[in-house]
Amino acid sequence: VSGATNSSRAVTAAVEAALQKAGGTAADLKKTHQTDAALPTNNSTDVL
């Protein structure tokens, strides 16, 4: 997350440490497929 790099890295480092304790790495996780949301269509307003 921009502006919070150190806090962001703390999460990923913690998860990787937990995976190591569990006997593996992030490569052993079941992958999921995420579909990115479309661009907004309501792009008109009174005050921006």
All heavy atoms as atom14 arrays in JSON, in Angstrom:
{
  "sequence": "VSGATNSSRAVTAAVEAALQKAGGTAADLKKTHQTDAALPTNNSTDVL",
  "atom14_mask": [
    [1, 1, 1, 1, 1, 1, 1, 0, 0, 0, 0, 0, 0, 0],
    [1, 1, 1, 1, 1, 1, 0, 0, 0, 0, 0, 0, 0, 0],
    [1, 1, 1, 1, 0, 0, 0, 0, 0, 0, 0, 0, 0, 0],
    [1, 1, 1, 1, 1, 0, 0, 0, 0, 0, 0, 0, 0, 0],
    [1, 1, 1, 1, 1, 1, 1, 0, 0, 0, 0, 0, 0, 0],
    [1, 1, 1, 1, 1, 1, 1, 1, 0, 0, 0, 0, 0, 0],
    [1, 1, 1, 1, 1, 1, 0, 0, 0, 0, 0, 0, 0, 0],
    [1, 1, 1, 1, 1, 1, 0, 0, 0, 0, 0, 0, 0, 0],
    [1, 1, 1, 1, 1, 1, 1, 1, 1, 1, 1, 0, 0, 0],
    [1, 1, 1, 1, 1, 0, 0, 0, 0, 0, 0, 0, 0, 0],
    [1, 1, 1, 1, 1, 1, 1, 0, 0, 0, 0, 0, 0, 0],
    [1, 1, 1, 1, 1, 1, 1, 0, 0, 0, 0, 0, 0, 0],
    [1, 1, 1, 1, 1, 0, 0, 0, 0, 0, 0, 0, 0, 0],
    [1, 1, 1, 1, 1, 0, 0, 0, 0, 0, 0, 0, 0, 0],
    [1, 1, 1, 1, 1, 1, 1, 0, 0, 0, 0, 0, 0, 0],
    [1, 1, 1, 1, 1, 1, 1, 1, 1, 0, 0, 0, 0, 0],
    [1, 1, 1, 1, 1, 0, 0, 0, 0, 0, 0, 0, 0, 0],
    [1, 1, 1, 1, 1, 0, 0, 0, 0, 0, 0, 0, 0, 0],
    [1, 1, 1, 1, 1, 1, 1, 1, 0, 0, 0, 0, 0, 0],
    [1, 1, 1, 1, 1, 1, 1, 1, 1, 0, 0, 0, 0, 0],
    [1, 1, 1, 1, 1, 1, 1, 1, 1, 0, 0, 0, 0, 0],
    [1, 1, 1, 1, 1, 0, 0, 0, 0, 0, 0, 0, 0, 0],
    [1, 1, 1, 1, 0, 0, 0, 0, 0, 0, 0, 0, 0, 0],
    [1, 1, 1, 1, 0, 0, 0, 0, 0, 0, 0, 0, 0, 0],
    [1, 1, 1, 1, 1, 1, 1, 0, 0, 0, 0, 0, 0, 0],
    [1, 1, 1, 1, 1, 0, 0, 0, 0, 0, 0, 0, 0, 0],
    [1, 1, 1, 1, 1, 0, 0, 0, 0, 0, 0, 0, 0, 0],
    [1, 1, 1, 1, 1, 1, 1, 1, 0, 0, 0, 0, 0, 0],
    [1, 1, 1, 1, 1, 1, 1, 1, 0, 0, 0, 0, 0, 0],
    [1, 1, 1, 1, 1, 1, 1, 1, 1, 0, 0, 0, 0, 0],
    [1, 1, 1, 1, 1, 1, 1, 1, 1, 0, 0, 0, 0, 0],
    [1, 1, 1, 1, 1, 1, 1, 0, 0, 0, 0, 0, 0, 0],
    [1, 1, 1, 1, 1, 1, 1, 1, 1, 1, 0, 0, 0, 0],
    [1, 1, 1, 1, 1, 1, 1, 1, 1, 0, 0, 0, 0, 0],
    [1, 1, 1, 1, 1, 1, 1, 0, 0, 0, 0, 0, 0, 0],
    [1, 1, 1, 1, 1, 1, 1, 1, 0, 0, 0, 0, 0, 0],
    [1, 1, 1, 1, 1, 0, 0, 0, 0, 0, 0, 0, 0, 0],
    [1, 1, 1, 1, 1, 0, 0, 0, 0, 0, 0, 0, 0, 0],
    [1, 1, 1, 1, 1, 1, 1, 1, 0, 0, 0, 0, 0, 0],
    [1, 1, 1, 1, 1, 1, 1, 0, 0, 0, 0, 0, 0, 0],
    [1, 1, 1, 1, 1, 1, 1, 0, 0, 0, 0, 0, 0, 0],
    [1, 1, 1, 1, 1, 1, 1, 1, 0, 0, 0, 0, 0, 0],
    [1, 1, 1, 1, 1, 1, 1, 1, 0, 0, 0, 0, 0, 0],
    [1, 1, 1, 1, 1, 1, 0, 0, 0, 0, 0, 0, 0, 0],
    [1, 1, 1, 1, 1, 1, 1, 0, 0, 0, 0, 0, 0, 0],
    [1, 1, 1, 1, 1, 1, 1, 1, 0, 0, 0, 0, 0, 0],
    [1, 1, 1, 1, 1, 1, 1, 0, 0, 0, 0, 0, 0, 0],
    [1, 1, 1, 1, 1, 1, 1, 1, 0, 0, 0, 0, 0, 0]
  ],
  "atom14_positions": [
    [[0.85, -1.18, 0.0], [0.0, 0.0, 0.0], [0.89, 1.24, 0.0], [1.73, 1.4, 0.89], [-0.93, 0.01, 1.23], [-1.71, 1.32, 1.31], [-1.88, -1.18, 1.18], [0.0, 0.0, 0.0], [0.0, 0.0, 0.0], [0.0, 0.0, 0.0], [0.0, 0.0, 0.0], [0.0, 0.0, 0.0], [0.0, 0.0, 0.0], [0.0, 0.0, 0.0]],
    [[0.7, 2.11, -0.99], [1.51, 3.32, -1.08], [1.36, 4.15, 0.19], [0.25, 4.4, 0.65], [1.08, 4.16, -2.29], [1.3, 3.46, -3.48], [0.0, 0.0, 0.0], [0.0, 0.0, 0.0], [0.0, 0.0, 0.0], [0.0, 0.0, 0.0], [0.0, 0.0, 0.0], [0.0, 0.0, 0.0], [0.0, 0.0, 0.0], [0.0, 0.0, 0.0]],
    [[2.49, 4.58, 0.73], [2.48, 5.37, 1.96], [2.53, 4.53, 3.22], [2.67, 5.07, 4.31], [0.0, 0.0, 0.0], [0.0, 0.0, 0.0], [0.0, 0.0, 0.0], [0.0, 0.0, 0.0], [0.0, 0.0, 0.0], [0.0, 0.0, 0.0], [0.0, 0.0, 0.0], [0.0, 0.0, 0.0], [0.0, 0.0, 0.0], [0.0, 0.0, 0.0]],
    [[2.42, 3.2, 3.07], [2.48, 2.32, 4.22], [3.24, 1.05, 3.86], [2.82, -0.07, 4.14], [1.07, 1.98, 4.7], [0.0, 0.0, 0.0], [0.0, 0.0, 0.0], [0.0, 0.0, 0.0], [0.0, 0.0, 0.0], [0.0, 0.0, 0.0], [0.0, 0.0, 0.0], [0.0, 0.0, 0.0], [0.0, 0.0, 0.0], [0.0, 0.0, 0.0]],
    [[4.38, 1.24, 3.2], [5.16, 0.11, 2.7], [5.63, -0.81, 3.82], [5.54, -2.04, 3.7], [6.38, 0.63, 1.91], [5.92, 1.5, 0.87], [7.14, -0.52, 1.28], [0.0, 0.0, 0.0], [0.0, 0.0, 0.0], [0.0, 0.0, 0.0], [0.0, 0.0, 0.0], [0.0, 0.0, 0.0], [0.0, 0.0, 0.0], [0.0, 0.0, 0.0]],
    [[6.13, -0.25, 4.91], [6.67, -1.08, 6.0], [5.58, -1.93, 6.65], [5.79, -3.1, 6.96], [7.36, -0.21, 7.04], [8.62, 0.43, 6.51], [9.25, -0.08, 5.59], [9.0, 1.58, 7.06], [0.0, 0.0, 0.0], [0.0, 0.0, 0.0], [0.0, 0.0, 0.0], [0.0, 0.0, 0.0], [0.0, 0.0, 0.0], [0.0, 0.0, 0.0]],
    [[4.4, -1.34, 6.85], [3.29, -2.09, 7.43], [2.82, -3.18, 6.48], [2.48, -4.29, 6.9], [2.13, -1.14, 7.75], [2.5, -0.17, 8.71], [0.0, 0.0, 0.0], [0.0, 0.0, 0.0], [0.0, 0.0, 0.0], [0.0, 0.0, 0.0], [0.0, 0.0, 0.0], [0.0, 0.0, 0.0], [0.0, 0.0, 0.0], [0.0, 0.0, 0.0]],
    [[2.81, -2.86, 5.18], [2.41, -3.85, 4.18], [3.35, -5.03, 4.17], [2.93, -6.2, 4.15], [2.39, -3.2, 2.79], [1.52, -2.1, 2.73], [0.0, 0.0, 0.0], [0.0, 0.0, 0.0], [0.0, 0.0, 0.0], [0.0, 0.0, 0.0], [0.0, 0.0, 0.0], [0.0, 0.0, 0.0], [0.0, 0.0, 0.0], [0.0, 0.0, 0.0]],
    [[4.65, -4.74, 4.2], [5.64, -5.82, 4.18], [5.59, -6.67, 5.43], [5.95, -7.86, 5.4], [7.03, -5.22, 4.0], [7.28, -4.66, 2.59], [8.61, -3.96, 2.49], [8.86, -3.47, 1.14], [9.8, -2.59, 0.82], [10.58, -2.09, 1.77], [9.96, -2.21, -0.43], [0.0, 0.0, 0.0], [0.0, 0.0, 0.0], [0.0, 0.0, 0.0]],
    [[5.15, -6.08, 6.54], [5.04, -6.84, 7.78], [4.05, -7.98, 7.61], [4.27, -9.1, 8.1], [4.61, -5.93, 8.92], [0.0, 0.0, 0.0], [0.0, 0.0, 0.0], [0.0, 0.0, 0.0], [0.0, 0.0, 0.0], [0.0, 0.0, 0.0], [0.0, 0.0, 0.0], [0.0, 0.0, 0.0], [0.0, 0.0, 0.0], [0.0, 0.0, 0.0]],
    [[2.94, -7.73, 6.89], [1.92, -8.77, 6.7], [2.48, -9.91, 5.86], [2.36, -11.08, 6.22], [0.66, -8.19, 6.01], [-0.44, -9.24, 6.02], [0.18, -6.94, 6.7], [0.0, 0.0, 0.0], [0.0, 0.0, 0.0], [0.0, 0.0, 0.0], [0.0, 0.0, 0.0], [0.0, 0.0, 0.0], [0.0, 0.0, 0.0], [0.0, 0.0, 0.0]],
    [[3.08, -9.57, 4.72], [3.59, -10.62, 3.85], [4.71, -11.42, 4.53], [4.77, -12.64, 4.39], [4.1, -10.03, 2.51], [5.07, -9.01, 2.77], [2.95, -9.41, 1.73], [0.0, 0.0, 0.0], [0.0, 0.0, 0.0], [0.0, 0.0, 0.0], [0.0, 0.0, 0.0], [0.0, 0.0, 0.0], [0.0, 0.0, 0.0], [0.0, 0.0, 0.0]],
    [[5.56, -10.73, 5.29], [6.63, -11.43, 6.0], [6.06, -12.37, 7.05], [6.54, -13.5, 7.24], [7.57, -10.42, 6.65], [0.0, 0.0, 0.0], [0.0, 0.0, 0.0], [0.0, 0.0, 0.0], [0.0, 0.0, 0.0], [0.0, 0.0, 0.0], [0.0, 0.0, 0.0], [0.0, 0.0, 0.0], [0.0, 0.0, 0.0], [0.0, 0.0, 0.0]],
    [[5.01, -11.91, 7.74], [4.39, -12.74, 8.78], [3.74, -13.98, 8.17], [3.87, -15.09, 8.7], [3.35, -11.91, 9.55], [0.0, 0.0, 0.0], [0.0, 0.0, 0.0], [0.0, 0.0, 0.0], [0.0, 0.0, 0.0], [0.0, 0.0, 0.0], [0.0, 0.0, 0.0], [0.0, 0.0, 0.0], [0.0, 0.0, 0.0], [0.0, 0.0, 0.0]],
    [[3.04, -13.8, 7.07], [2.38, -14.95, 6.42], [3.42, -15.95, 5.92], [3.26, -17.17, 6.08], [1.48, -14.46, 5.26], [0.95, -15.64, 4.46], [0.31, -13.65, 5.81], [0.0, 0.0, 0.0], [0.0, 0.0, 0.0], [0.0, 0.0, 0.0], [0.0, 0.0, 0.0], [0.0, 0.0, 0.0], [0.0, 0.0, 0.0], [0.0, 0.0, 0.0]],
    [[4.51, -15.43, 5.34], [5.55, -16.34, 4.86], [6.2, -17.1, 6.02], [6.53, -18.29, 5.89], [6.59, -15.55, 4.07], [6.05, -15.12, 2.7], [6.94, -14.11, 2.0], [7.96, -13.68, 2.61], [6.63, -13.74, 0.85], [0.0, 0.0, 0.0], [0.0, 0.0, 0.0], [0.0, 0.0, 0.0], [0.0, 0.0, 0.0], [0.0, 0.0, 0.0]],
    [[6.35, -16.44, 7.17], [6.9, -17.11, 8.35], [5.93, -18.18, 8.86], [6.35, -19.27, 9.28], [7.18, -16.09, 9.45], [0.0, 0.0, 0.0], [0.0, 0.0, 0.0], [0.0, 0.0, 0.0], [0.0, 0.0, 0.0], [0.0, 0.0, 0.0], [0.0, 0.0, 0.0], [0.0, 0.0, 0.0], [0.0, 0.0, 0.0], [0.0, 0.0, 0.0]],
    [[4.64, -17.88, 8.81], [3.63, -18.86, 9.25], [3.6, -20.06, 8.32], [3.49, -21.21, 8.77], [2.26, -18.19, 9.29], [0.0, 0.0, 0.0], [0.0, 0.0, 0.0], [0.0, 0.0, 0.0], [0.0, 0.0, 0.0], [0.0, 0.0, 0.0], [0.0, 0.0, 0.0], [0.0, 0.0, 0.0], [0.0, 0.0, 0.0], [0.0, 0.0, 0.0]],
    [[3.73, -19.82, 7.02], [3.75, -20.93, 6.05], [4.97, -21.81, 6.28], [4.89, -23.04, 6.16], [3.77, -20.36, 4.62], [2.48, -19.7, 4.15], [2.71, -18.92, 2.86], [1.38, -20.75, 3.94], [0.0, 0.0, 0.0], [0.0, 0.0, 0.0], [0.0, 0.0, 0.0], [0.0, 0.0, 0.0], [0.0, 0.0, 0.0], [0.0, 0.0, 0.0]],
    [[6.09, -21.2, 6.63], [7.29, -21.97, 6.92], [7.08, -22.85, 8.16], [7.49, -24.02, 8.19], [8.47, -21.03, 7.13], [9.81, -21.74, 7.22], [10.97, -20.76, 7.27], [10.79, -19.57, 7.51], [12.18, -21.25, 7.06], [0.0, 0.0, 0.0], [0.0, 0.0, 0.0], [0.0, 0.0, 0.0], [0.0, 0.0, 0.0], [0.0, 0.0, 0.0]],
    [[6.42, -22.29, 9.17], [6.12, -23.07, 10.37], [5.18, -24.23, 10.04], [5.22, -25.29, 10.67], [5.45, -22.18, 11.43], [6.43, -21.34, 12.23], [5.71, -20.68, 13.41], [6.7, -19.98, 14.34], [6.02, -19.43, 15.53], [0.0, 0.0, 0.0], [0.0, 0.0, 0.0], [0.0, 0.0, 0.0], [0.0, 0.0, 0.0], [0.0, 0.0, 0.0]],
    [[4.32, -24.01, 9.02], [3.36, -25.04, 8.63], [4.0, -26.09, 7.72], [3.32, -27.04, 7.3], [2.17, -24.4, 7.92], [0.0, 0.0, 0.0], [0.0, 0.0, 0.0], [0.0, 0.0, 0.0], [0.0, 0.0, 0.0], [0.0, 0.0, 0.0], [0.0, 0.0, 0.0], [0.0, 0.0, 0.0], [0.0, 0.0, 0.0], [0.0, 0.0, 0.0]],
    [[5.27, -25.89, 7.41], [5.98, -26.9, 6.63], [6.05, -26.65, 5.14], [6.3, -27.58, 4.37], [0.0, 0.0, 0.0], [0.0, 0.0, 0.0], [0.0, 0.0, 0.0], [0.0, 0.0, 0.0], [0.0, 0.0, 0.0], [0.0, 0.0, 0.0], [0.0, 0.0, 0.0], [0.0, 0.0, 0.0], [0.0, 0.0, 0.0], [0.0, 0.0, 0.0]],
    [[5.82, -25.41, 4.71], [5.87, -25.14, 3.28], [6.15, -23.69, 2.97], [6.73, -22.96, 3.78], [0.0, 0.0, 0.0], [0.0, 0.0, 0.0], [0.0, 0.0, 0.0], [0.0, 0.0, 0.0], [0.0, 0.0, 0.0], [0.0, 0.0, 0.0], [0.0, 0.0, 0.0], [0.0, 0.0, 0.0], [0.0, 0.0, 0.0], [0.0, 0.0, 0.0]],
    [[5.71, -23.28, 1.79], [5.88, -21.9, 1.34], [4.61, -21.45, 0.64], [3.64, -22.22, 0.51], [7.05, -21.77, 0.35], [6.7, -22.45, -0.87], [8.33, -22.37, 0.92], [0.0, 0.0, 0.0], [0.0, 0.0, 0.0], [0.0, 0.0, 0.0], [0.0, 0.0, 0.0], [0.0, 0.0, 0.0], [0.0, 0.0, 0.0], [0.0, 0.0, 0.0]],
    [[4.61, -20.21, 0.16], [3.45, -19.68, -0.55], [3.15, -20.48, -1.81], [2.01, -20.5, -2.3], [3.69, -18.2, -0.91], [0.0, 0.0, 0.0], [0.0, 0.0, 0.0], [0.0, 0.0, 0.0], [0.0, 0.0, 0.0], [0.0, 0.0, 0.0], [0.0, 0.0, 0.0], [0.0, 0.0, 0.0], [0.0, 0.0, 0.0], [0.0, 0.0, 0.0]],
    [[4.15, -21.18, -2.36], [3.94, -21.99, -3.56], [3.0, -23.17, -3.3], [2.44, -23.75, -4.22], [5.28, -22.49, -4.07], [0.0, 0.0, 0.0], [0.0, 0.0, 0.0], [0.0, 0.0, 0.0], [0.0, 0.0, 0.0], [0.0, 0.0, 0.0], [0.0, 0.0, 0.0], [0.0, 0.0, 0.0], [0.0, 0.0, 0.0], [0.0, 0.0, 0.0]],
    [[2.82, -23.54, -2.03], [1.97, -24.68, -1.68], [0.5, -24.29, -1.46], [-0.34, -25.15, -1.21], [2.51, -25.35, -0.41], [3.93, -25.85, -0.58], [4.17, -26.54, -1.59], [4.78, -25.52, 0.25], [0.0, 0.0, 0.0], [0.0, 0.0, 0.0], [0.0, 0.0, 0.0], [0.0, 0.0, 0.0], [0.0, 0.0, 0.0], [0.0, 0.0, 0.0]],
    [[0.19, -23.01, -1.54], [-1.19, -22.57, -1.36], [-2.04, -22.89, -2.58], [-1.56, -22.84, -3.72], [-1.24, -21.05, -1.1], [-0.63, -20.57, 0.22], [-0.49, -19.05, 0.19], [-1.49, -21.01, 1.39], [0.0, 0.0, 0.0], [0.0, 0.0, 0.0], [0.0, 0.0, 0.0], [0.0, 0.0, 0.0], [0.0, 0.0, 0.0], [0.0, 0.0, 0.0]],
    [[-3.3, -23.2, -2.34], [-4.24, -23.4, -3.44], [-4.55, -22.06, -4.07], [-5.05, -21.14, -3.42], [-5.54, -24.03, -2.94], [-5.43, -25.49, -2.54], [-6.78, -26.01, -2.11], [-6.7, -27.49, -1.73], [-8.03, -28.01, -1.27], [0.0, 0.0, 0.0], [0.0, 0.0, 0.0], [0.0, 0.0, 0.0], [0.0, 0.0, 0.0], [0.0, 0.0, 0.0]],
    [[-4.24, -21.92, -5.32], [-4.44, -20.64, -6.0], [-5.92, -20.41, -6.32], [-6.68, -21.34, -6.57], [-3.63, -20.59, -7.3], [-2.12, -20.71, -7.07], [-1.59, -19.55, -6.24], [-0.09, -19.61, -6.07], [0.36, -20.7, -5.2], [0.0, 0.0, 0.0], [0.0, 0.0, 0.0], [0.0, 0.0, 0.0], [0.0, 0.0, 0.0], [0.0, 0.0, 0.0]],
    [[-6.32, -19.14, -6.31], [-7.69, -18.76, -6.67], [-7.64, -17.81, -7.85], [-6.64, -17.11, -8.06], [-8.41, -18.07, -5.5], [-7.67, -16.89, -5.14], [-8.51, -18.99, -4.29], [0.0, 0.0, 0.0], [0.0, 0.0, 0.0], [0.0, 0.0, 0.0], [0.0, 0.0, 0.0], [0.0, 0.0, 0.0], [0.0, 0.0, 0.0], [0.0, 0.0, 0.0]],
    [[-8.68, -17.77, -8.61], [-8.75, -16.87, -9.77], [-9.61, -15.67, -9.42], [-10.76, -15.82, -9.0], [-9.35, -17.58, -10.98], [-9.5, -16.69, -12.17], [-8.41, -16.22, -12.9], [-10.6, -16.17, -12.77], [-8.84, -15.45, -13.88], [-10.16, -15.41, -13.83], [0.0, 0.0, 0.0], [0.0, 0.0, 0.0], [0.0, 0.0, 0.0], [0.0, 0.0, 0.0]],
    [[-9.03, -14.48, -9.55], [-9.75, -13.25, -9.24], [-10.06, -12.49, -10.52], [-9.2, -12.28, -11.36], [-8.9, -12.36, -8.33], [-8.71, -12.93, -6.93], [-9.95, -12.81, -6.09], [-10.6, -11.78, -6.06], [-10.29, -13.87, -5.38], [0.0, 0.0, 0.0], [0.0, 0.0, 0.0], [0.0, 0.0, 0.0], [0.0, 0.0, 0.0], [0.0, 0.0, 0.0]],
    [[-11.32, -12.11, -10.66], [-11.72, -11.32, -11.82], [-11.76, -9.85, -11.41], [-12.47, -9.46, -10.48], [-13.12, -11.73, -12.31], [-13.09, -13.12, -12.65], [-13.52, -10.92, -13.55], [0.0, 0.0, 0.0], [0.0, 0.0, 0.0], [0.0, 0.0, 0.0], [0.0, 0.0, 0.0], [0.0, 0.0, 0.0], [0.0, 0.0, 0.0], [0.0, 0.0, 0.0]],
    [[-10.95, -9.04, -12.08], [-10.91, -7.62, -11.76], [-12.23, -6.94, -12.12], [-12.84, -7.24, -13.15], [-9.77, -6.93, -12.52], [-8.4, -7.35, -11.99], [-8.32, -7.67, -10.8], [-7.45, -7.36, -12.79], [0.0, 0.0, 0.0], [0.0, 0.0, 0.0], [0.0, 0.0, 0.0], [0.0, 0.0, 0.0], [0.0, 0.0, 0.0], [0.0, 0.0, 0.0]],
    [[-12.65, -6.02, -11.25], [-13.9, -5.29, -11.49], [-13.74, -4.36, -12.69], [-12.65, -3.92, -13.03], [-14.27, -4.49, -10.25], [0.0, 0.0, 0.0], [0.0, 0.0, 0.0], [0.0, 0.0, 0.0], [0.0, 0.0, 0.0], [0.0, 0.0, 0.0], [0.0, 0.0, 0.0], [0.0, 0.0, 0.0], [0.0, 0.0, 0.0], [0.0, 0.0, 0.0]],
    [[-14.87, -4.08, -13.33], [-14.86, -3.19, -14.49], [-14.72, -1.74, -14.03], [-14.91, -1.41, -12.86], [-16.14, -3.38, -15.28], [0.0, 0.0, 0.0], [0.0, 0.0, 0.0], [0.0, 0.0, 0.0], [0.0, 0.0, 0.0], [0.0, 0.0, 0.0], [0.0, 0.0, 0.0], [0.0, 0.0, 0.0], [0.0, 0.0, 0.0], [0.0, 0.0, 0.0]],
    [[-14.39, -0.86, -14.96], [-14.31, 0.56, -14.65], [-15.69, 1.09, -14.29], [-16.7, 0.59, -14.78], [-13.77, 1.33, -15.87], [-12.3, 1.11, -16.22], [-11.99, 1.8, -17.54], [-11.4, 1.62, -15.12], [0.0, 0.0, 0.0], [0.0, 0.0, 0.0], [0.0, 0.0, 0.0], [0.0, 0.0, 0.0], [0.0, 0.0, 0.0], [0.0, 0.0, 0.0]],
    [[-15.77, 2.1, -13.43], [-17.07, 2.68, -13.06], [-17.78, 3.25, -14.29], [-17.14, 3.76, -15.22], [-16.69, 3.8, -12.08], [-15.34, 3.45, -11.59], [-14.66, 2.76, -12.72], [0.0, 0.0, 0.0], [0.0, 0.0, 0.0], [0.0, 0.0, 0.0], [0.0, 0.0, 0.0], [0.0, 0.0, 0.0], [0.0, 0.0, 0.0], [0.0, 0.0, 0.0]],
    [[-19.08, 3.16, -14.28], [-19.88, 3.69, -15.41], [-20.58, 4.99, -15.03], [-20.94, 5.77, -15.91], [-20.92, 2.66, -15.86], [-21.74, 2.29, -14.74], [-20.23, 1.42, -16.42], [0.0, 0.0, 0.0], [0.0, 0.0, 0.0], [0.0, 0.0, 0.0], [0.0, 0.0, 0.0], [0.0, 0.0, 0.0], [0.0, 0.0, 0.0], [0.0, 0.0, 0.0]],
    [[-20.79, 5.21, -13.73], [-21.46, 6.44, -13.29], [-20.4, 7.51, -13.02], [-19.89, 7.63, -11.91], [-22.27, 6.15, -12.01], [-23.04, 7.38, -11.54], [-23.23, 8.33, -12.3], [-23.47, 7.36, -10.29], [0.0, 0.0, 0.0], [0.0, 0.0, 0.0], [0.0, 0.0, 0.0], [0.0, 0.0, 0.0], [0.0, 0.0, 0.0], [0.0, 0.0, 0.0]],
    [[-20.08, 8.28, -14.04], [-18.96, 9.21, -13.95], [-19.38, 10.66, -14.17], [-18.67, 11.44, -14.81], [-17.88, 8.81, -14.97], [-17.31, 7.44, -14.66], [-17.06, 7.11, -13.51], [-17.15, 6.62, -15.68], [0.0, 0.0, 0.0], [0.0, 0.0, 0.0], [0.0, 0.0, 0.0], [0.0, 0.0, 0.0], [0.0, 0.0, 0.0], [0.0, 0.0, 0.0]],
    [[-20.52, 11.01, -13.61], [-21.01, 12.38, -13.67], [-21.54, 12.77, -12.29], [-22.21, 11.96, -11.63], [-22.11, 12.5, -14.73], [-22.58, 13.82, -14.79], [0.0, 0.0, 0.0], [0.0, 0.0, 0.0], [0.0, 0.0, 0.0], [0.0, 0.0, 0.0], [0.0, 0.0, 0.0], [0.0, 0.0, 0.0], [0.0, 0.0, 0.0], [0.0, 0.0, 0.0]],
    [[-21.25, 13.98, -11.86], [-21.66, 14.39, -10.52], [-21.82, 15.9, -10.46], [-21.44, 16.61, -11.39], [-20.63, 13.91, -9.47], [-21.11, 14.16, -8.16], [-19.29, 14.62, -9.66], [0.0, 0.0, 0.0], [0.0, 0.0, 0.0], [0.0, 0.0, 0.0], [0.0, 0.0, 0.0], [0.0, 0.0, 0.0], [0.0, 0.0, 0.0], [0.0, 0.0, 0.0]],
    [[-22.37, 16.38, -9.35], [-22.48, 17.83, -9.15], [-21.13, 18.42, -8.78], [-20.65, 19.37, -9.39], [-23.5, 18.14, -8.04], [-24.91, 17.79, -8.41], [-25.23, 17.75, -9.61], [-25.71, 17.54, -7.49], [0.0, 0.0, 0.0], [0.0, 0.0, 0.0], [0.0, 0.0, 0.0], [0.0, 0.0, 0.0], [0.0, 0.0, 0.0], [0.0, 0.0, 0.0]],
    [[-20.52, 17.83, -7.74], [-19.24, 18.32, -7.23], [-18.23, 17.18, -7.2], [-18.48, 16.14, -6.59], [-19.38, 18.92, -5.81], [-18.03, 19.36, -5.28], [-20.35, 20.09, -5.82], [0.0, 0.0, 0.0], [0.0, 0.0, 0.0], [0.0, 0.0, 0.0], [0.0, 0.0, 0.0], [0.0, 0.0, 0.0], [0.0, 0.0, 0.0], [0.0, 0.0, 0.0]],
    [[-17.11, 17.39, -7.85], [-16.02, 16.42, -7.83], [-14.89, 17.01, -6.98], [-14.41, 18.11, -7.25], [-15.5, 16.15, -9.25], [-14.22, 15.33, -9.35], [-14.43, 13.92, -8.81], [-13.72, 15.28, -10.79], [0.0, 0.0, 0.0], [0.0, 0.0, 0.0], [0.0, 0.0, 0.0], [0.0, 0.0, 0.0], [0.0, 0.0, 0.0], [0.0, 0.0, 0.0]]
  ]
}
